[in-house]
Amino acid sequence: MHVEDVMHDVEIIDENADIKAAADLMAKKQIGSLVVVGRGRVVGIVTERDFLECFARFGKGSKKLKVKDIMSKNVITITPDALLEDAAALMAKHKVKRLPVVKDGLLVGIITASDVIANAKSIGELSLF
């Protein structure tokens, strides 16, 4: 099974958006992350964990921050034609739960650890499930 078979639509936000807008969008869409874009390309990802760390560190001062101030900048991506086991391996290697899916430089979706687990039957060594 390939990434494109289980990936889903991705929500994006501009790196210069304030963090309240990002939090509101995540709450409205009931999602745990947003892919951050700047100048037409993926520049980061912001997750629930980033918000928790931000609030713990800055408290009320966090209101002044932009998404680019709290996002994770080293984004690991994957292509839609990659195998699901490749996605699992990347997530494990880099200790991430989400991979933006990029084709020809364009963001086309996202795959999460939950997506991989839900489709574990199709992954060779995980076929014991």
Protein backbone atom coordinates (compact mmCIF):
# COMPACT_ATOMS: atom_id res chain seq x y z
CA MET A 1 0.00 0.00 0.00
CA HIS A 2 1.21 3.49 -0.81
CA VAL A 3 1.08 6.75 1.12
CA GLU A 4 -1.36 8.21 -1.43
CA ASP A 5 -3.84 5.45 -0.56
CA VAL A 6 -4.21 6.62 3.04
CA MET A 7 -3.08 10.26 3.12
CA HIS A 8 -5.68 12.92 3.68
CA ASP A 9 -6.18 16.61 3.05
CA VAL A 10 -3.85 18.91 4.89
CA GLU A 11 -4.59 22.21 6.57
CA ILE A 12 -2.02 24.95 6.15
CA ILE A 13 -1.25 28.24 7.82
CA ASP A 14 1.13 31.06 6.95
CA GLU A 15 4.28 31.32 9.04
CA ASN A 16 3.42 34.93 9.93
CA ALA A 17 -0.04 34.14 11.30
CA ASP A 18 -0.50 34.70 15.01
CA ILE A 19 -0.70 31.61 17.15
CA LYS A 20 -4.30 32.32 18.16
CA ALA A 21 -5.36 31.95 14.51
CA ALA A 22 -3.50 28.64 14.34
CA ALA A 23 -5.04 27.36 17.57
CA ASP A 24 -8.51 28.43 16.44
CA LEU A 25 -8.09 26.65 13.09
CA MET A 26 -6.86 23.47 14.75
CA ALA A 27 -9.81 23.53 17.17
CA LYS A 28 -12.33 24.24 14.41
CA LYS A 29 -11.02 21.43 12.19
CA GLN A 30 -10.40 19.11 15.19
CA ILE A 31 -6.85 18.37 14.08
CA GLY A 32 -3.54 18.08 15.90
CA SER A 33 -1.28 19.93 13.47
CA LEU A 34 -0.98 22.47 10.69
CA VAL A 35 1.63 22.52 7.97
CA VAL A 36 3.27 25.94 7.91
CA VAL A 37 3.95 27.63 4.59
CA GLY A 38 6.02 30.63 3.65
CA ARG A 39 6.75 32.00 0.20
CA GLY A 40 4.82 29.14 -1.37
CA ARG A 41 6.74 26.30 0.26
CA VAL A 42 6.59 24.13 3.36
CA VAL A 43 8.69 25.75 6.08
CA GLY A 44 7.48 23.98 9.20
CA ILE A 45 4.78 22.17 11.10
CA VAL A 46 3.00 23.29 14.26
CA THR A 47 1.48 20.70 16.55
CA GLU A 48 -0.49 20.52 19.78
CA ARG A 49 2.79 19.78 21.53
CA ASP A 50 4.32 23.01 20.20
CA PHE A 51 1.39 24.92 21.71
CA LEU A 52 1.72 23.21 25.07
CA GLU A 53 5.44 23.98 25.22
CA CYS A 54 4.76 27.57 24.18
CA PHE A 55 2.10 28.14 26.84
CA ALA A 56 4.25 26.50 29.51
CA ARG A 57 7.24 28.64 28.60
CA PHE A 58 5.67 32.01 27.79
CA GLY A 59 2.26 31.98 29.51
CA LYS A 60 0.25 35.08 28.65
CA GLY A 61 3.22 36.45 26.73
CA SER A 62 2.58 33.83 24.06
CA LYS A 63 -0.21 36.01 22.63
CA LYS A 64 2.42 38.10 20.86
CA LEU A 65 4.05 35.16 19.09
CA LYS A 66 3.71 34.12 15.46
CA VAL A 67 3.45 30.57 14.17
CA LYS A 68 7.06 30.76 12.94
CA ASP A 69 8.16 31.35 16.54
CA ILE A 70 6.82 28.03 17.83
CA MET A 71 6.77 25.70 14.81
CA SER A 72 9.12 22.80 14.22
CA LYS A 73 11.36 23.84 11.35
CA ASN A 74 13.00 20.59 10.31
CA VAL A 75 10.08 19.05 8.46
CA ILE A 76 10.43 15.49 7.23
CA THR A 77 8.31 14.92 4.12
CA ILE A 78 7.38 11.91 2.01
CA THR A 79 6.11 11.39 -1.53
CA PRO A 80 2.68 9.96 -2.37
CA ASP A 81 4.17 6.96 -4.18
CA ALA A 82 6.23 5.87 -1.15
CA LEU A 83 5.23 2.65 0.55
CA LEU A 84 3.42 2.77 3.88
CA GLU A 85 6.30 0.93 5.53
CA ASP A 86 8.61 3.73 4.34
CA ALA A 87 6.37 6.24 6.10
CA ALA A 88 6.46 4.13 9.27
CA ALA A 89 10.25 3.89 9.08
CA LEU A 90 10.64 7.67 8.60
CA MET A 91 8.34 8.40 11.53
CA ALA A 92 10.24 6.00 13.77
CA LYS A 93 13.67 7.24 12.67
CA HIS A 94 12.87 10.93 13.14
CA LYS A 95 10.50 10.47 16.10
CA VAL A 96 7.60 12.29 14.41
CA LYS A 97 3.92 11.43 14.15
CA ARG A 98 3.08 13.34 10.98
CA LEU A 99 4.60 13.56 7.52
CA PRO A 100 3.53 16.17 4.98
CA VAL A 101 3.17 14.54 1.57
CA VAL A 102 4.92 16.43 -1.23
CA LYS A 103 4.81 15.76 -4.98
CA ASP A 104 6.94 17.77 -7.41
CA GLY A 105 7.54 20.38 -4.72
CA LEU A 106 3.83 20.82 -3.98
CA LEU A 107 2.10 19.91 -0.74
CA VAL A 108 -0.60 17.36 -1.57
CA GLY A 109 -1.59 15.85 1.78
CA ILE A 110 -0.49 14.52 5.14
CA ILE A 111 -0.09 11.09 6.68
CA THR A 112 -0.11 10.45 10.41
CA ALA A 113 1.01 7.67 12.69
CA SER A 114 -2.68 6.89 13.24
CA ASP A 115 -3.10 6.40 9.48
CA VAL A 116 -0.17 3.99 9.44
CA ILE A 117 -1.46 2.03 12.43
CA ALA A 118 -4.98 1.85 10.98
CA ASN A 119 -3.51 0.28 7.85
CA ALA A 120 -0.89 -1.87 9.59
CA LYS A 121 -2.21 -5.05 7.96
CA SER A 122 -0.69 -3.92 4.69
CA ILE A 123 2.79 -3.51 6.15
CA GLY A 124 4.91 -6.64 5.97
CA GLU A 125 6.20 -7.04 9.51
CA LEU A 126 3.11 -5.50 11.06
CA SER A 127 0.81 -7.98 9.37
CA LEU A 128 0.51 -9.82 12.67
CA PHE A 129 -2.23 -7.37 13.67
